[in-house]
Amino acid sequence: MAKGETGRADVLQGTLDLMVLRTLDTMGPLHGYGIARRLEQVSEDALKLNEGTVYASLMRLLHRRLISTSWGTSENNRKARFYAITRSGGRALTIETNNWNRISGVMARVLGRA
């Protein structure tokens, strides 16, 4: 991944949706802010995600019916939209994870020979 001026990695095109699905699969239902903070935490702050970036991913995933949404109360007692992975989202997560593992293996082999 390319590094931005802050030294944090930019998100490769198409990878954020996969990371969001994985986060929801692992953590259960979360609101957008919680998803962004969790991804930053897991990446050890290598990723910096604003809510707009995560929101765009959530809208793509909702449109594809890979996640669902419901209203709930956040940790600070505010009304928030919570997102959860659907059954078809779980299947897509498995397929995309396998694809990512295959592609990253190819990249490692190609880059290792350079």
Protein backbone atom coordinates (compact mmCIF):
# COMPACT_ATOMS: atom_id res chain seq x y z
CA MET A 1 0.00 0.00 0.00
CA ALA A 2 1.15 3.50 -0.71
CA LYS A 3 1.97 5.65 2.28
CA GLY A 4 0.35 9.05 2.64
CA GLU A 5 2.08 12.15 4.02
CA THR A 6 1.14 11.14 7.56
CA GLY A 7 2.89 7.78 7.18
CA ARG A 8 -0.39 5.90 7.33
CA ALA A 9 -1.26 3.49 4.53
CA ASP A 10 -3.87 4.40 1.96
CA VAL A 11 -6.56 1.74 1.53
CA LEU A 12 -6.19 -0.19 -1.72
CA GLN A 13 -9.19 0.05 -4.01
CA GLY A 14 -11.68 -2.67 -3.15
CA THR A 15 -10.11 -3.78 0.12
CA LEU A 16 -12.15 -1.64 2.52
CA ASP A 17 -15.36 -3.55 1.81
CA LEU A 18 -13.58 -6.81 2.65
CA MET A 19 -12.16 -5.34 5.86
CA VAL A 20 -15.61 -4.05 6.89
CA LEU A 21 -17.18 -7.47 6.27
CA ARG A 22 -14.44 -9.17 8.29
CA THR A 23 -14.87 -6.71 11.15
CA LEU A 24 -18.63 -7.28 11.29
CA ASP A 25 -18.13 -11.04 11.06
CA THR A 26 -15.67 -10.97 13.95
CA MET A 27 -17.18 -8.28 16.20
CA GLY A 28 -20.90 -8.57 15.48
CA PRO A 29 -23.12 -5.54 14.82
CA LEU A 30 -21.35 -2.17 15.00
CA HIS A 31 -22.07 1.42 14.04
CA GLY A 32 -19.94 3.17 11.40
CA TYR A 33 -17.75 5.01 13.88
CA GLY A 34 -17.07 1.75 15.73
CA ILE A 35 -16.10 0.01 12.49
CA ALA A 36 -13.64 2.78 11.59
CA ARG A 37 -12.04 2.78 15.04
CA ARG A 38 -11.79 -1.03 15.09
CA LEU A 39 -10.02 -1.08 11.72
CA GLU A 40 -7.59 1.57 12.96
CA GLN A 41 -6.98 -0.46 16.12
CA VAL A 42 -6.41 -3.74 14.28
CA SER A 43 -4.08 -2.02 11.79
CA GLU A 44 -2.16 -0.52 14.73
CA ASP A 45 -3.07 2.93 13.36
CA ALA A 46 -1.52 2.21 9.95
CA LEU A 47 -4.98 3.03 8.55
CA LYS A 48 -6.77 6.30 9.22
CA LEU A 49 -10.40 6.13 8.15
CA ASN A 50 -12.87 8.96 8.22
CA GLU A 51 -16.56 8.30 8.59
CA GLY A 52 -17.23 9.32 4.96
CA THR A 53 -14.93 6.62 3.63
CA VAL A 54 -16.49 3.96 5.84
CA TYR A 55 -20.00 5.23 5.03
CA ALA A 56 -19.37 4.80 1.28
CA SER A 57 -18.26 1.22 1.90
CA LEU A 58 -21.32 0.55 4.06
CA MET A 59 -23.63 1.90 1.34
CA ARG A 60 -21.98 -0.37 -1.27
CA LEU A 61 -22.35 -3.38 1.02
CA LEU A 62 -25.98 -2.52 1.82
CA HIS A 63 -26.76 -2.14 -1.87
CA ARG A 64 -25.28 -5.59 -2.52
CA ARG A 65 -27.25 -6.94 0.50
CA LEU A 66 -24.07 -8.19 2.15
CA ILE A 67 -24.93 -6.33 5.34
CA SER A 68 -28.14 -5.26 7.05
CA THR A 69 -28.90 -2.29 9.26
CA SER A 70 -30.94 -1.56 12.36
CA TRP A 71 -31.24 1.29 14.85
CA GLY A 72 -29.81 0.96 18.32
CA THR A 73 -28.10 2.89 21.10
CA SER A 74 -24.37 3.59 21.01
CA GLU A 75 -21.98 3.43 23.96
CA ASN A 76 -22.54 7.15 24.63
CA ASN A 77 -26.31 6.60 24.75
CA ARG A 78 -27.08 8.11 21.33
CA LYS A 79 -29.29 6.70 18.62
CA ALA A 80 -27.08 5.05 15.99
CA ARG A 81 -27.40 2.86 12.92
CA PHE A 82 -25.83 -0.55 13.49
CA TYR A 83 -24.61 -2.76 10.66
CA ALA A 84 -24.46 -6.56 10.66
CA ILE A 85 -23.19 -9.08 8.12
CA THR A 86 -25.86 -11.12 6.33
CA ARG A 87 -25.68 -14.78 5.33
CA SER A 88 -24.81 -13.78 1.75
CA GLY A 89 -22.24 -11.38 3.22
CA GLY A 90 -20.63 -14.31 5.01
CA ARG A 91 -20.43 -16.25 1.76
CA ALA A 92 -18.97 -13.22 -0.03
CA LEU A 93 -16.44 -12.80 2.79
CA THR A 94 -15.24 -16.38 2.34
CA ILE A 95 -14.92 -16.01 -1.44
CA GLU A 96 -13.19 -12.62 -1.27
CA THR A 97 -10.83 -13.77 1.48
CA ASN A 98 -9.79 -16.75 -0.65
CA ASN A 99 -9.29 -14.44 -3.66
CA TRP A 100 -7.23 -12.01 -1.59
CA ASN A 101 -5.05 -14.82 -0.22
CA ARG A 102 -4.48 -16.14 -3.74
CA ILE A 103 -3.60 -12.71 -5.19
CA SER A 104 -1.35 -11.77 -2.26
CA GLY A 105 0.48 -15.08 -2.71
CA VAL A 106 1.03 -14.31 -6.38
CA MET A 107 2.29 -10.80 -5.51
CA ALA A 108 4.68 -12.23 -2.90
CA ARG A 109 6.10 -14.66 -5.47
CA VAL A 110 6.44 -11.98 -8.16
CA LEU A 111 7.97 -9.39 -5.84
CA GLY A 112 10.28 -11.97 -4.33
CA ARG A 113 11.80 -12.62 -7.76
CA ALA A 114 12.42 -8.97 -8.63
